[in-house]
Amino acid sequence: MRHHAVFDYAEEEGADGLTIQSSQGQVLGRDGHIRLQIQQAAVLVGGQAVTCIDGSIQLPSLK
């Protein structure tokens, strides 16, 4: 998500409860809207979604 840097800054500044609403995809004809909110040091993501692909990713251990 391209707005994650805003939330990093907001968390450092103590912006609990800050909400950002954004949209993207208009050029592709898939007008999507998303709502991000900082709440108790967590970033909550909200909005409607359509599952286009389902699966899992296994990352290697960092040890």
N, C-alpha and C. Protein backbone atom coordinates (compact mmCIF):
# COMPACT_ATOMS: atom_id res chain seq x y z
N MET A 1 0.86 -1.17 0.00
CA MET A 1 0.00 0.00 0.00
C MET A 1 0.89 1.22 0.00
N ARG A 2 0.65 2.11 -0.88
CA ARG A 2 1.53 3.27 -1.06
C ARG A 2 1.43 4.28 0.08
N HIS A 3 0.47 4.14 0.99
CA HIS A 3 0.30 5.11 2.07
C HIS A 3 0.94 4.67 3.37
N HIS A 4 1.67 3.55 3.35
CA HIS A 4 2.23 3.03 4.60
C HIS A 4 3.22 4.00 5.26
N ALA A 5 3.93 4.80 4.49
CA ALA A 5 4.88 5.75 5.09
C ALA A 5 4.15 6.81 5.91
N VAL A 6 2.95 7.19 5.50
CA VAL A 6 2.15 8.15 6.27
C VAL A 6 1.85 7.58 7.64
N PHE A 7 1.53 6.29 7.69
CA PHE A 7 1.21 5.67 8.97
C PHE A 7 2.44 5.50 9.85
N ASP A 8 3.59 5.21 9.26
CA ASP A 8 4.83 5.16 10.04
C ASP A 8 5.04 6.49 10.75
N TYR A 9 4.90 7.58 10.00
CA TYR A 9 5.05 8.92 10.56
C TYR A 9 4.00 9.19 11.63
N ALA A 10 2.76 8.86 11.35
CA ALA A 10 1.67 9.13 12.28
C ALA A 10 1.83 8.34 13.57
N GLU A 11 2.29 7.10 13.48
CA GLU A 11 2.51 6.31 14.69
C GLU A 11 3.59 6.94 15.56
N GLU A 12 4.65 7.42 14.94
CA GLU A 12 5.72 8.07 15.69
C GLU A 12 5.22 9.34 16.38
N GLU A 13 4.27 10.01 15.76
CA GLU A 13 3.74 11.26 16.31
C GLU A 13 2.59 11.02 17.29
N GLY A 14 2.22 9.76 17.53
CA GLY A 14 1.16 9.45 18.48
C GLY A 14 -0.23 9.78 17.96
N ALA A 15 -0.50 9.46 16.72
CA ALA A 15 -1.78 9.81 16.09
C ALA A 15 -2.80 8.68 16.19
N ASP A 16 -2.99 8.13 17.38
CA ASP A 16 -3.97 7.06 17.58
C ASP A 16 -5.35 7.53 17.13
N GLY A 17 -6.01 6.73 16.32
CA GLY A 17 -7.33 7.07 15.82
C GLY A 17 -7.32 7.75 14.45
N LEU A 18 -6.13 8.08 13.93
CA LEU A 18 -6.04 8.71 12.62
C LEU A 18 -6.62 7.78 11.55
N THR A 19 -7.46 8.31 10.67
CA THR A 19 -8.05 7.54 9.57
C THR A 19 -7.72 8.21 8.25
N ILE A 20 -7.29 7.42 7.29
CA ILE A 20 -7.04 7.89 5.93
C ILE A 20 -7.90 7.07 4.99
N GLN A 21 -8.61 7.75 4.09
CA GLN A 21 -9.38 7.07 3.06
C GLN A 21 -8.74 7.38 1.72
N SER A 22 -8.62 6.36 0.89
CA SER A 22 -7.94 6.52 -0.38
C SER A 22 -8.65 5.72 -1.46
N SER A 23 -8.35 6.04 -2.69
CA SER A 23 -8.89 5.27 -3.81
C SER A 23 -7.79 5.07 -4.84
N GLN A 24 -7.92 4.02 -5.61
CA GLN A 24 -6.98 3.76 -6.69
C GLN A 24 -7.64 2.83 -7.70
N GLY A 25 -7.04 2.69 -8.85
CA GLY A 25 -7.54 1.78 -9.87
C GLY A 25 -8.50 2.40 -10.87
N GLN A 26 -8.74 3.70 -10.79
CA GLN A 26 -9.69 4.33 -11.70
C GLN A 26 -9.26 4.17 -13.16
N VAL A 27 -7.97 4.28 -13.43
CA VAL A 27 -7.47 4.19 -14.80
C VAL A 27 -7.72 2.80 -15.38
N LEU A 28 -7.71 1.78 -14.53
CA LEU A 28 -7.94 0.40 -14.98
C LEU A 28 -9.41 0.04 -15.02
N GLY A 29 -10.27 0.99 -14.62
CA GLY A 29 -11.70 0.70 -14.59
C GLY A 29 -12.13 -0.12 -13.38
N ARG A 30 -11.26 -0.19 -12.37
CA ARG A 30 -11.56 -0.92 -11.14
C ARG A 30 -11.42 0.05 -9.97
N ASP A 31 -12.35 0.96 -9.88
CA ASP A 31 -12.31 2.01 -8.86
C ASP A 31 -12.43 1.39 -7.48
N GLY A 32 -11.33 1.33 -6.76
CA GLY A 32 -11.31 0.73 -5.43
C GLY A 32 -11.11 1.77 -4.35
N HIS A 33 -11.71 1.53 -3.20
CA HIS A 33 -11.59 2.44 -2.05
C HIS A 33 -11.10 1.64 -0.86
N ILE A 34 -10.27 2.27 -0.05
CA ILE A 34 -9.72 1.61 1.13
C ILE A 34 -9.70 2.62 2.28
N ARG A 35 -9.86 2.10 3.50
CA ARG A 35 -9.82 2.94 4.69
C ARG A 35 -8.74 2.36 5.61
N LEU A 36 -7.80 3.18 6.02
CA LEU A 36 -6.73 2.78 6.94
C LEU A 36 -6.88 3.58 8.21
N GLN A 37 -6.72 2.90 9.35
CA GLN A 37 -6.86 3.59 10.63
C GLN A 37 -5.80 3.08 11.60
N ILE A 38 -5.17 4.02 12.32
CA ILE A 38 -4.25 3.66 13.38
C ILE A 38 -5.05 3.53 14.67
N GLN A 39 -4.91 2.38 15.31
CA GLN A 39 -5.64 2.16 16.55
C GLN A 39 -4.78 1.31 17.47
N GLN A 40 -4.36 1.88 18.56
CA GLN A 40 -3.54 1.20 19.56
C GLN A 40 -2.32 0.52 18.93
N ALA A 41 -1.52 1.28 18.18
CA ALA A 41 -0.27 0.83 17.55
C ALA A 41 -0.48 -0.24 16.49
N ALA A 42 -1.70 -0.38 15.96
CA ALA A 42 -1.98 -1.31 14.86
C ALA A 42 -2.58 -0.52 13.70
N VAL A 43 -2.34 -0.97 12.50
CA VAL A 43 -2.95 -0.37 11.32
C VAL A 43 -4.09 -1.27 10.89
N LEU A 44 -5.31 -0.75 10.95
CA LEU A 44 -6.50 -1.50 10.54
C LEU A 44 -6.83 -1.14 9.10
N VAL A 45 -7.14 -2.14 8.30
CA VAL A 45 -7.46 -1.94 6.89
C VAL A 45 -8.92 -2.32 6.67
N GLY A 46 -9.69 -1.44 6.05
CA GLY A 46 -11.09 -1.72 5.81
C GLY A 46 -11.51 -1.36 4.40
N GLY A 47 -12.58 -1.94 3.97
CA GLY A 47 -13.12 -1.69 2.64
C GLY A 47 -13.66 -2.98 2.06
N GLN A 48 -14.22 -2.91 0.88
CA GLN A 48 -14.73 -4.10 0.22
C GLN A 48 -13.64 -4.69 -0.67
N ALA A 49 -13.70 -5.99 -0.87
CA ALA A 49 -12.68 -6.66 -1.68
C ALA A 49 -13.31 -7.77 -2.51
N VAL A 50 -12.67 -8.06 -3.60
CA VAL A 50 -13.02 -9.20 -4.44
C VAL A 50 -11.79 -10.09 -4.50
N THR A 51 -11.93 -11.35 -4.13
CA THR A 51 -10.81 -12.27 -4.18
C THR A 51 -10.53 -12.65 -5.62
N CYS A 52 -9.35 -12.31 -6.11
CA CYS A 52 -8.96 -12.62 -7.49
C CYS A 52 -8.03 -13.83 -7.54
N ILE A 53 -7.32 -14.07 -6.45
CA ILE A 53 -6.41 -15.20 -6.37
C ILE A 53 -6.31 -15.60 -4.90
N ASP A 54 -6.15 -16.87 -4.65
CA ASP A 54 -6.07 -17.37 -3.28
C ASP A 54 -4.85 -18.28 -3.19
N GLY A 55 -4.13 -18.22 -2.09
CA GLY A 55 -2.96 -19.07 -1.94
C GLY A 55 -2.20 -18.70 -0.69
N SER A 56 -1.00 -19.19 -0.59
CA SER A 56 -0.15 -18.88 0.56
C SER A 56 1.29 -18.75 0.08
N ILE A 57 2.09 -18.09 0.88
CA ILE A 57 3.50 -17.90 0.59
C ILE A 57 4.28 -18.37 1.81
N GLN A 58 5.29 -19.17 1.59
CA GLN A 58 6.14 -19.61 2.69
C GLN A 58 7.49 -18.92 2.55
N LEU A 59 7.82 -18.12 3.56
CA LEU A 59 9.07 -17.38 3.57
C LEU A 59 10.14 -18.18 4.29
N PRO A 60 11.39 -18.08 3.85
CA PRO A 60 12.46 -18.81 4.54
C PRO A 60 12.70 -18.22 5.92
N SER A 61 13.20 -19.04 6.81
CA SER A 61 13.52 -18.60 8.15
C SER A 61 14.70 -17.64 8.11
N LEU A 62 14.68 -16.63 8.97
CA LEU A 62 15.78 -15.67 9.03
C LEU A 62 16.88 -16.11 9.98
N LYS A 63 16.73 -17.27 10.59
CA LYS A 63 17.73 -17.75 11.55
C LYS A 63 18.90 -18.39 10.85
